[in-house]
Amino acid sequence: MEDNGILVHLKGGIADAVLYRATMILTVGGMAYAIYQLVVASFPKKQDWLQFILPAISFIQLSVD
């Protein structure tokens, strides 16, 4: 192979270039998604205030009956 400055994994032509770029896009996209999921998982989920009040109200109604 001649030394023309083209990377060896891209010397196969347009098909190699398309596969290389698709791989890079999927890799960068996957990394971004993984980082996003880590950030989302690191913060606690906000609790809905009704989630705590409704069971208490239903308990009060059951104890009155």
PDB file of N, CA and C in Angstrom:
ATOM      1  N   MET A   1       0.838  -1.181   0.000  1.00  0.00           N
ATOM      2  CA  MET A   1       0.000   0.000   0.000  1.00  0.00           C
ATOM      3  C   MET A   1       0.882   1.243   0.000  1.00  0.00           C
ATOM      4  N   GLU A   2       0.444   2.208  -0.718  1.00  0.00           N
ATOM      5  CA  GLU A   2       1.209   3.449  -0.785  1.00  0.00           C
ATOM      6  C   GLU A   2       0.881   4.351   0.397  1.00  0.00           C
ATOM      7  N   ASP A   3       1.835   5.175   0.770  1.00  0.00           N
ATOM      8  CA  ASP A   3       1.653   6.105   1.883  1.00  0.00           C
ATOM      9  C   ASP A   3       1.113   7.422   1.342  1.00  0.00           C
ATOM     10  N   ASN A   4      -0.223   7.557   1.325  1.00  0.00           N
ATOM     11  CA  ASN A   4      -0.833   8.778   0.804  1.00  0.00           C
ATOM     12  C   ASN A   4      -1.568   9.571   1.885  1.00  0.00           C
ATOM     13  N   GLY A   5      -1.333   9.247   3.148  1.00  0.00           N
ATOM     14  CA  GLY A   5      -1.937   9.995   4.242  1.00  0.00           C
ATOM     15  C   GLY A   5      -3.318   9.521   4.658  1.00  0.00           C
ATOM     16  N   ILE A   6      -3.884   8.561   3.942  1.00  0.00           N
ATOM     17  CA  ILE A   6      -5.203   8.018   4.297  1.00  0.00           C
ATOM     18  C   ILE A   6      -5.004   6.915   5.330  1.00  0.00           C
ATOM     19  N   LEU A   7      -5.824   6.928   6.361  1.00  0.00           N
ATOM     20  CA  LEU A   7      -5.736   5.900   7.392  1.00  0.00           C
ATOM     21  C   LEU A   7      -6.005   4.529   6.788  1.00  0.00           C
ATOM     22  N   VAL A   8      -5.335   3.502   7.323  1.00  0.00           N
ATOM     23  CA  VAL A   8      -5.412   2.169   6.730  1.00  0.00           C
ATOM     24  C   VAL A   8      -6.842   1.616   6.752  1.00  0.00           C
ATOM     25  N   HIS A   9      -7.626   1.941   7.764  1.00  0.00           N
ATOM     26  CA  HIS A   9      -8.989   1.416   7.830  1.00  0.00           C
ATOM     27  C   HIS A   9      -9.959   2.197   6.949  1.00  0.00           C
ATOM     28  N   LEU A  10      -9.478   3.226   6.259  1.00  0.00           N
ATOM     29  CA  LEU A  10     -10.321   3.981   5.331  1.00  0.00           C
ATOM     30  C   LEU A  10      -9.885   3.810   3.880  1.00  0.00           C
ATOM     31  N   LYS A  11      -8.878   2.983   3.633  1.00  0.00           N
ATOM     32  CA  LYS A  11      -8.359   2.818   2.274  1.00  0.00           C
ATOM     33  C   LYS A  11      -9.266   1.962   1.395  1.00  0.00           C
ATOM     34  N   GLY A  12     -10.310   1.363   1.956  1.00  0.00           N
ATOM     35  CA  GLY A  12     -11.202   0.510   1.182  1.00  0.00           C
ATOM     36  C   GLY A  12     -12.206   1.282   0.344  1.00  0.00           C
ATOM     37  N   GLY A  13     -12.288   2.576   0.527  1.00  0.00           N
ATOM     38  CA  GLY A  13     -13.193   3.376  -0.283  1.00  0.00           C
ATOM     39  C   GLY A  13     -14.343   3.958   0.513  1.00  0.00           C
ATOM     40  N   ILE A  14     -15.418   4.250  -0.220  1.00  0.00           N
ATOM     41  CA  ILE A  14     -16.572   4.934   0.371  1.00  0.00           C
ATOM     42  C   ILE A  14     -17.280   4.069   1.419  1.00  0.00           C
ATOM     43  N   ALA A  15     -17.308   2.761   1.211  1.00  0.00           N
ATOM     44  CA  ALA A  15     -17.969   1.873   2.172  1.00  0.00           C
ATOM     45  C   ALA A  15     -17.264   1.928   3.524  1.00  0.00           C
ATOM     46  N   ASP A  16     -15.937   1.942   3.509  1.00  0.00           N
ATOM     47  CA  ASP A  16     -15.192   2.043   4.763  1.00  0.00           C
ATOM     48  C   ASP A  16     -15.450   3.378   5.448  1.00  0.00           C
ATOM     49  N   ALA A  17     -15.528   4.438   4.671  1.00  0.00           N
ATOM     50  CA  ALA A  17     -15.771   5.762   5.241  1.00  0.00           C
ATOM     51  C   ALA A  17     -17.157   5.830   5.877  1.00  0.00           C
ATOM     52  N   VAL A  18     -18.153   5.247   5.215  1.00  0.00           N
ATOM     53  CA  VAL A  18     -19.519   5.254   5.756  1.00  0.00           C
ATOM     54  C   VAL A  18     -19.582   4.442   7.046  1.00  0.00           C
ATOM     55  N   LEU A  19     -18.974   3.262   7.049  1.00  0.00           N
ATOM     56  CA  LEU A  19     -18.973   2.435   8.254  1.00  0.00           C
ATOM     57  C   LEU A  19     -18.216   3.116   9.395  1.00  0.00           C
ATOM     58  N   TYR A  20     -17.106   3.761   9.070  1.00  0.00           N
ATOM     59  CA  TYR A  20     -16.319   4.467  10.080  1.00  0.00           C
ATOM     60  C   TYR A  20     -17.132   5.598  10.696  1.00  0.00           C
ATOM     61  N   ARG A  21     -17.774   6.387   9.870  1.00  0.00           N
ATOM     62  CA  ARG A  21     -18.562   7.513  10.394  1.00  0.00           C
ATOM     63  C   ARG A  21     -19.776   7.038  11.180  1.00  0.00           C
ATOM     64  N   ALA A  22     -20.425   5.980  10.707  1.00  0.00           N
ATOM     65  CA  ALA A  22     -21.569   5.435  11.445  1.00  0.00           C
ATOM     66  C   ALA A  22     -21.124   4.930  12.818  1.00  0.00           C
ATOM     67  N   THR A  23     -19.966   4.282  12.858  1.00  0.00           N
ATOM     68  CA  THR A  23     -19.434   3.799  14.128  1.00  0.00           C
ATOM     69  C   THR A  23     -19.132   4.957  15.067  1.00  0.00           C
ATOM     70  N   MET A  24     -18.543   6.001  14.547  1.00  0.00           N
ATOM     71  CA  MET A  24     -18.217   7.164  15.378  1.00  0.00           C
ATOM     72  C   MET A  24     -19.484   7.847  15.903  1.00  0.00           C
ATOM     73  N   ILE A  25     -20.492   7.974  15.047  1.00  0.00           N
ATOM     74  CA  ILE A  25     -21.754   8.601  15.466  1.00  0.00           C
ATOM     75  C   ILE A  25     -22.429   7.771  16.554  1.00  0.00           C
ATOM     76  N   LEU A  26     -22.481   6.450  16.364  1.00  0.00           N
ATOM     77  CA  LEU A  26     -23.098   5.585  17.371  1.00  0.00           C
ATOM     78  C   LEU A  26     -22.309   5.593  18.675  1.00  0.00           C
ATOM     79  N   THR A  27     -20.989   5.645  18.581  1.00  0.00           N
ATOM     80  CA  THR A  27     -20.156   5.671  19.780  1.00  0.00           C
ATOM     81  C   THR A  27     -20.362   6.959  20.565  1.00  0.00           C
ATOM     82  N   VAL A  28     -20.314   8.087  19.882  1.00  0.00           N
ATOM     83  CA  VAL A  28     -20.500   9.373  20.557  1.00  0.00           C
ATOM     84  C   VAL A  28     -21.928   9.485  21.100  1.00  0.00           C
ATOM     85  N   GLY A  29     -22.908   9.050  20.325  1.00  0.00           N
ATOM     86  CA  GLY A  29     -24.297   9.077  20.795  1.00  0.00           C
ATOM     87  C   GLY A  29     -24.507   8.186  22.009  1.00  0.00           C
ATOM     88  N   GLY A  30     -23.915   7.001  21.990  1.00  0.00           N
ATOM     89  CA  GLY A  30     -24.028   6.091  23.129  1.00  0.00           C
ATOM     90  C   GLY A  30     -23.368   6.641  24.377  1.00  0.00           C
ATOM     91  N   MET A  31     -22.214   7.264  24.206  1.00  0.00           N
ATOM     92  CA  MET A  31     -21.531   7.877  25.348  1.00  0.00           C
ATOM     93  C   MET A  31     -22.361   9.022  25.927  1.00  0.00           C
ATOM     94  N   ALA A  32     -22.934   9.846  25.053  1.00  0.00           N
ATOM     95  CA  ALA A  32     -23.758  10.962  25.518  1.00  0.00           C
ATOM     96  C   ALA A  32     -24.982  10.442  26.267  1.00  0.00           C
ATOM     97  N   TYR A  33     -25.603   9.389  25.753  1.00  0.00           N
ATOM     98  CA  TYR A  33     -26.777   8.816  26.412  1.00  0.00           C
ATOM     99  C   TYR A  33     -26.403   8.202  27.759  1.00  0.00           C
ATOM    100  N   ALA A  34     -25.253   7.540  27.825  1.00  0.00           N
ATOM    101  CA  ALA A  34     -24.807   6.940  29.085  1.00  0.00           C
ATOM    102  C   ALA A  34     -24.534   8.017  30.128  1.00  0.00           C
ATOM    103  N   ILE A  35     -23.896   9.103  29.727  1.00  0.00           N
ATOM    104  CA  ILE A  35     -23.631  10.202  30.655  1.00  0.00           C
ATOM    105  C   ILE A  35     -24.941  10.831  31.116  1.00  0.00           C
ATOM    106  N   TYR A  36     -25.888  11.007  30.193  1.00  0.00           N
ATOM    107  CA  TYR A  36     -27.200  11.548  30.553  1.00  0.00           C
ATOM    108  C   TYR A  36     -27.884  10.654  31.590  1.00  0.00           C
ATOM    109  N   GLN A  37     -27.861   9.343  31.375  1.00  0.00           N
ATOM    110  CA  GLN A  37     -28.499   8.420  32.312  1.00  0.00           C
ATOM    111  C   GLN A  37     -27.815   8.449  33.677  1.00  0.00           C
ATOM    112  N   LEU A  38     -26.496   8.593  33.700  1.00  0.00           N
ATOM    113  CA  LEU A  38     -25.789   8.705  34.975  1.00  0.00           C
ATOM    114  C   LEU A  38     -26.185   9.974  35.720  1.00  0.00           C
ATOM    115  N   VAL A  39     -26.336  11.067  34.991  1.00  0.00           N
ATOM    116  CA  VAL A  39     -26.748  12.321  35.622  1.00  0.00           C
ATOM    117  C   VAL A  39     -28.169  12.199  36.156  1.00  0.00           C
ATOM    118  N   VAL A  40     -29.071  11.618  35.381  1.00  0.00           N
ATOM    119  CA  VAL A  40     -30.462  11.447  35.823  1.00  0.00           C
ATOM    120  C   VAL A  40     -30.516  10.542  37.050  1.00  0.00           C
ATOM    121  N   ALA A  41     -29.723   9.480  37.052  1.00  0.00           N
ATOM    122  CA  ALA A  41     -29.744   8.541  38.172  1.00  0.00           C
ATOM    123  C   ALA A  41     -29.103   9.117  39.428  1.00  0.00           C
ATOM    124  N   SER A  42     -28.269  10.122  39.291  1.00  0.00           N
ATOM    125  CA  SER A  42     -27.569  10.658  40.455  1.00  0.00           C
ATOM    126  C   SER A  42     -28.420  11.637  41.259  1.00  0.00           C
ATOM    127  N   PHE A  43     -29.511  12.107  40.701  1.00  0.00           N
ATOM    128  CA  PHE A  43     -30.388  13.016  41.425  1.00  0.00           C
ATOM    129  C   PHE A  43     -31.644  12.275  41.848  1.00  0.00           C
ATOM    130  N   PRO A  44     -32.075  12.450  43.105  1.00  0.00           N
ATOM    131  CA  PRO A  44     -33.279  11.745  43.552  1.00  0.00           C
ATOM    132  C   PRO A  44     -34.523  12.255  42.831  1.00  0.00           C
ATOM    133  N   LYS A  45     -35.451  11.347  42.664  1.00  0.00           N
ATOM    134  CA  LYS A  45     -36.700  11.697  42.004  1.00  0.00           C
ATOM    135  C   LYS A  45     -37.547  12.533  42.956  1.00  0.00           C
ATOM    136  N   LYS A  46     -38.164  13.593  42.438  1.00  0.00           N
ATOM    137  CA  LYS A  46     -39.032  14.424  43.277  1.00  0.00           C
ATOM    138  C   LYS A  46     -40.263  13.621  43.676  1.00  0.00           C
ATOM    139  N   GLN A  47     -40.624  13.725  44.944  1.00  0.00           N
ATOM    140  CA  GLN A  47     -41.805  13.029  45.433  1.00  0.00           C
ATOM    141  C   GLN A  47     -43.016  13.936  45.271  1.00  0.00           C
ATOM    142  N   ASP A  48     -44.093  13.364  44.837  1.00  0.00           N
ATOM    143  CA  ASP A  48     -45.341  14.103  44.691  1.00  0.00           C
ATOM    144  C   ASP A  48     -45.992  14.223  46.071  1.00  0.00           C
ATOM    145  N   TRP A  49     -46.421  15.417  46.427  1.00  0.00           N
ATOM    146  CA  TRP A  49     -47.002  15.622  47.751  1.00  0.00           C
ATOM    147  C   TRP A  49     -48.281  14.830  47.933  1.00  0.00           C
ATOM    148  N   LEU A  50     -49.021  14.566  46.855  1.00  0.00           N
ATOM    149  CA  LEU A  50     -50.246  13.767  46.963  1.00  0.00           C
ATOM    150  C   LEU A  50     -49.941  12.317  47.308  1.00  0.00           C
ATOM    151  N   GLN A  51     -48.767  11.869  46.968  1.00  0.00           N
ATOM    152  CA  GLN A  51     -48.388  10.492  47.242  1.00  0.00           C
ATOM    153  C   GLN A  51     -48.372  10.233  48.755  1.00  0.00           C
ATOM    154  N   PHE A  52     -48.063  11.258  49.537  1.00  0.00           N
ATOM    155  CA  PHE A  52     -48.020  11.099  50.983  1.00  0.00           C
ATOM    156  C   PHE A  52     -49.347  11.434  51.648  1.00  0.00           C
ATOM    157  N   ILE A  53     -50.111  12.341  51.063  1.00  0.00           N
ATOM    158  CA  ILE A  53     -51.352  12.797  51.690  1.00  0.00           C
ATOM    159  C   ILE A  53     -52.502  11.822  51.447  1.00  0.00           C
ATOM    160  N   LEU A  54     -52.625  11.287  50.251  1.00  0.00           N
ATOM    161  CA  LEU A  54     -53.762  10.414  49.945  1.00  0.00           C
ATOM    162  C   LEU A  54     -53.816   9.161  50.813  1.00  0.00           C
ATOM    163  N   PRO A  55     -52.728   8.453  51.069  1.00  0.00           N
ATOM    164  CA  PRO A  55     -52.836   7.296  51.977  1.00  0.00           C
ATOM    165  C   PRO A  55     -53.245   7.700  53.390  1.00  0.00           C
ATOM    166  N   ALA A  56     -52.789   8.861  53.851  1.00  0.00           N
ATOM    167  CA  ALA A  56     -53.173   9.316  55.194  1.00  0.00           C
ATOM    168  C   ALA A  56     -54.662   9.619  55.249  1.00  0.00           C
ATOM    169  N   ILE A  57     -55.191  10.243  54.205  1.00  0.00           N
ATOM    170  CA  ILE A  57     -56.622  10.555  54.158  1.00  0.00           C
ATOM    171  C   ILE A  57     -57.440   9.270  54.122  1.00  0.00           C
ATOM    172  N   SER A  58     -57.023   8.299  53.334  1.00  0.00           N
ATOM    173  CA  SER A  58     -57.779   7.045  53.262  1.00  0.00           C
ATOM    174  C   SER A  58     -57.689   6.287  54.583  1.00  0.00           C
ATOM    175  N   PHE A  59     -56.569   6.380  55.295  1.00  0.00           N
ATOM    176  CA  PHE A  59     -56.456   5.740  56.602  1.00  0.00           C
ATOM    177  C   PHE A  59     -57.402   6.392  57.605  1.00  0.00           C
ATOM    178  N   ILE A  60     -57.501   7.717  57.557  1.00  0.00           N
ATOM    179  CA  ILE A  60     -58.409   8.437  58.460  1.00  0.00           C
ATOM    180  C   ILE A  60     -59.850   8.047  58.167  1.00  0.00           C
ATOM    181  N   GLN A  61     -60.204   7.927  56.899  1.00  0.00           N
ATOM    182  CA  GLN A  61     -61.573   7.553  56.540  1.00  0.00           C
ATOM    183  C   GLN A  61     -61.874   6.130  56.992  1.00  0.00           C
ATOM    184  N   LEU A  62     -60.914   5.226  56.882  1.00  0.00           N
ATOM    185  CA  LEU A  62     -61.138   3.849  57.315  1.00  0.00           C
ATOM    186  C   LEU A  62     -61.274   3.759  58.833  1.00  0.00           C
ATOM    187  N   SER A  63     -60.511   4.557  59.560  1.00  0.00           N
ATOM    188  CA  SER A  63     -60.570   4.481  61.019  1.00  0.00           C
ATOM    189  C   SER A  63     -61.840   5.129  61.577  1.00  0.00           C
ATOM    190  N   VAL A  64     -62.455   6.049  60.837  1.00  0.00           N
ATOM    191  CA  VAL A  64     -63.692   6.696  61.276  1.00  0.00           C
ATOM    192  C   VAL A  64     -64.867   5.742  61.124  1.00  0.00           C
ATOM    193  N   ASP A  65     -64.844   4.916  60.092  1.00  0.00           N
ATOM    194  CA  ASP A  65     -65.979   4.006  59.837  1.00  0.00           C
ATOM    195  C   ASP A  65     -66.138   2.979  60.880  1.00  0.00           C
TER     196      ASP A  65
END
